[in-house]
Amino acid sequence: MPHLAENRQARHDYEILETLEAGIILTGPEVKSAKAGQINLRASYVTIRNNAAWLINCHIAAYKPANLQNYNPTRTRKLLLNKHEIDTLIGKSKAQGQTLIPLSVYTKRGLVKVEIALARGKKAHDKRATIKKREAKRSIERAMRMKP
């Protein structure tokens, strides 16, 4: 499944607790633009309103050949989840400090899918600890490669 966009900043800013795959409702030109990689998840998030999940602030650039008038690249888009999944997300996202964020957008059997995550925000000292662990792991791997 080829990734069209990834939210790398989310893995840095949040501790990922659980992930879920969701479909997304797009117009034809938006699908073409997303498959061309013209999608950005940086400031986007997921909210649940009226028993439906919505992707907010996801930027999908206008598809040039479509010649769209009054196109809003950051419009709110509905995510396709079943009722059980939405109820589970409502229950879990009520917990203190937990939020729903999109991690990546990819294609699966020709359809555009969004990987969303239930996440908890990291504090600054948690981010530093994560960076320190990653650097230590890299130096160990480097030392192992150098060893004959």
Protein backbone atom coordinates (compact mmCIF):
# COMPACT_ATOMS: atom_id res chain seq x y z
CA MET A 1 0.00 0.00 0.00
CA PRO A 2 1.74 3.14 -1.21
CA HIS A 3 1.72 6.04 1.24
CA LEU A 4 0.45 9.29 -0.23
CA ALA A 5 1.15 11.41 2.87
CA GLU A 6 2.46 10.87 6.36
CA ASN A 7 2.17 12.98 9.50
CA ARG A 8 5.68 12.54 10.93
CA GLN A 9 5.23 15.39 13.40
CA ALA A 10 2.38 13.47 15.06
CA ARG A 11 4.69 10.63 16.11
CA HIS A 12 7.03 13.20 17.64
CA ASP A 13 4.34 15.20 19.48
CA TYR A 14 2.06 12.35 20.56
CA GLU A 15 2.29 8.95 22.19
CA ILE A 16 0.31 6.63 19.89
CA LEU A 17 -2.05 4.41 21.90
CA GLU A 18 -4.16 2.75 19.20
CA THR A 19 -4.51 2.96 15.41
CA LEU A 20 -7.49 2.47 13.13
CA GLU A 21 -8.07 2.48 9.37
CA ALA A 22 -10.86 4.63 7.93
CA GLY A 23 -12.15 5.45 4.48
CA ILE A 24 -12.57 9.08 3.47
CA ILE A 25 -15.19 10.77 1.32
CA LEU A 26 -13.50 12.79 -1.43
CA THR A 27 -14.62 14.36 -4.68
CA GLY A 28 -13.14 13.09 -7.95
CA PRO A 29 -10.56 15.87 -8.37
CA GLU A 30 -9.55 15.49 -4.71
CA VAL A 31 -8.87 11.79 -5.28
CA LYS A 32 -6.68 12.61 -8.29
CA SER A 33 -4.81 15.26 -6.32
CA ALA A 34 -4.36 12.98 -3.27
CA LYS A 35 -3.06 10.12 -5.42
CA ALA A 36 -0.59 12.58 -6.95
CA GLY A 37 0.73 13.23 -3.42
CA GLN A 38 -0.72 16.75 -3.11
CA ILE A 39 -1.99 16.19 0.44
CA ASN A 40 -0.74 17.55 3.77
CA LEU A 41 -1.76 16.26 7.22
CA ARG A 42 0.42 18.54 9.35
CA ALA A 43 -2.21 20.59 11.24
CA SER A 44 -5.12 18.21 10.82
CA TYR A 45 -7.09 16.34 13.45
CA VAL A 46 -10.17 14.12 13.76
CA THR A 47 -13.33 15.02 15.64
CA ILE A 48 -16.58 13.18 16.21
CA ARG A 49 -19.85 15.07 15.69
CA ASN A 50 -23.38 13.69 15.21
CA ASN A 51 -22.12 10.09 15.43
CA ALA A 52 -19.75 10.61 12.50
CA ALA A 53 -15.97 11.10 12.33
CA TRP A 54 -14.69 14.19 10.51
CA LEU A 55 -11.20 15.04 9.28
CA ILE A 56 -10.56 18.71 9.94
CA ASN A 57 -7.88 20.95 8.39
CA CYS A 58 -6.42 18.36 5.99
CA HIS A 59 -5.00 20.24 3.00
CA ILE A 60 -5.58 18.66 -0.42
CA ALA A 61 -4.33 20.91 -3.20
CA ALA A 62 -6.60 21.69 -6.13
CA TYR A 63 -6.22 19.35 -9.10
CA LYS A 64 -5.06 21.65 -11.90
CA PRO A 65 -6.72 19.92 -14.90
CA ALA A 66 -10.12 19.96 -13.15
CA ASN A 67 -10.33 23.79 -13.25
CA LEU A 68 -12.32 24.04 -10.01
CA GLN A 69 -14.11 27.24 -9.05
CA ASN A 70 -14.41 28.16 -5.35
CA TYR A 71 -12.42 25.12 -4.21
CA ASN A 72 -11.64 24.98 -0.46
CA PRO A 73 -8.47 22.86 0.05
CA THR A 74 -8.97 22.52 3.82
CA ARG A 75 -12.67 21.67 3.89
CA THR A 76 -14.00 19.25 6.50
CA ARG A 77 -14.16 15.69 5.12
CA LYS A 78 -16.19 12.80 6.49
CA LEU A 79 -14.40 9.60 7.53
CA LEU A 80 -16.04 6.25 6.93
CA LEU A 81 -16.21 4.18 10.11
CA ASN A 82 -18.86 1.78 11.32
CA LYS A 83 -21.02 2.58 14.36
CA HIS A 84 -19.12 0.24 16.68
CA GLU A 85 -15.78 1.88 15.79
CA ILE A 86 -17.23 5.37 16.34
CA ASP A 87 -18.72 4.40 19.71
CA THR A 88 -15.36 2.93 20.78
CA LEU A 89 -13.54 6.12 19.73
CA ILE A 90 -16.06 8.30 21.57
CA GLY A 91 -15.54 6.32 24.78
CA LYS A 92 -11.76 6.29 24.55
CA SER A 93 -11.31 9.92 23.43
CA LYS A 94 -13.26 11.17 26.47
CA ALA A 95 -10.27 10.21 28.62
CA GLN A 96 -8.08 13.05 29.85
CA GLY A 97 -5.55 14.34 27.32
CA GLN A 98 -6.42 11.92 24.52
CA THR A 99 -7.09 13.06 20.98
CA LEU A 100 -7.68 11.63 17.52
CA ILE A 101 -5.09 12.44 14.85
CA PRO A 102 -4.47 11.24 11.29
CA LEU A 103 -1.11 9.47 10.88
CA SER A 104 -1.05 8.70 7.16
CA VAL A 105 -3.03 8.60 3.94
CA TYR A 106 -2.54 5.68 1.56
CA THR A 107 -4.26 3.68 -1.16
CA LYS A 108 -5.61 0.20 -0.64
CA ARG A 109 -7.11 -1.64 -3.62
CA GLY A 110 -7.56 1.69 -5.42
CA LEU A 111 -9.34 3.40 -2.51
CA VAL A 112 -7.93 6.25 -0.44
CA LYS A 113 -7.66 5.32 3.25
CA VAL A 114 -6.64 7.29 6.35
CA GLU A 115 -4.85 5.77 9.32
CA ILE A 116 -6.09 7.54 12.44
CA ALA A 117 -4.71 7.16 15.94
CA LEU A 118 -5.91 7.62 19.45
CA ALA A 119 -3.02 9.54 21.00
CA ARG A 120 -1.90 11.30 24.14
CA GLY A 121 0.19 14.47 23.93
CA LYS A 122 3.82 14.21 25.03
CA LYS A 123 5.40 16.65 27.43
CA ALA A 124 8.72 18.28 26.51
CA HIS A 125 10.73 15.94 28.77
CA ASP A 126 9.05 12.92 27.14
CA LYS A 127 10.12 14.17 23.71
CA ARG A 128 13.70 14.58 24.92
CA ALA A 129 13.71 11.07 26.38
CA THR A 130 12.45 9.64 23.08
CA ILE A 131 15.18 11.44 21.15
CA LYS A 132 17.81 10.22 23.63
CA LYS A 133 16.64 6.58 23.27
CA ARG A 134 16.67 6.84 19.47
CA GLU A 135 20.21 8.29 19.46
CA ALA A 136 21.46 5.55 21.82
CA LYS A 137 19.89 2.87 19.61
CA ARG A 138 21.55 4.35 16.51
CA SER A 139 24.98 4.48 18.15
CA ILE A 140 24.66 0.84 19.28
CA GLU A 141 23.68 -0.24 15.76
CA ARG A 142 26.58 1.75 14.32
CA ALA A 143 29.02 0.12 16.73
CA MET A 144 27.66 -3.35 15.87
CA ARG A 145 28.17 -2.71 12.15
CA MET A 146 31.75 -1.57 12.68
CA LYS A 147 32.58 -4.71 14.65
CA PRO A 148 34.06 -7.40 12.30
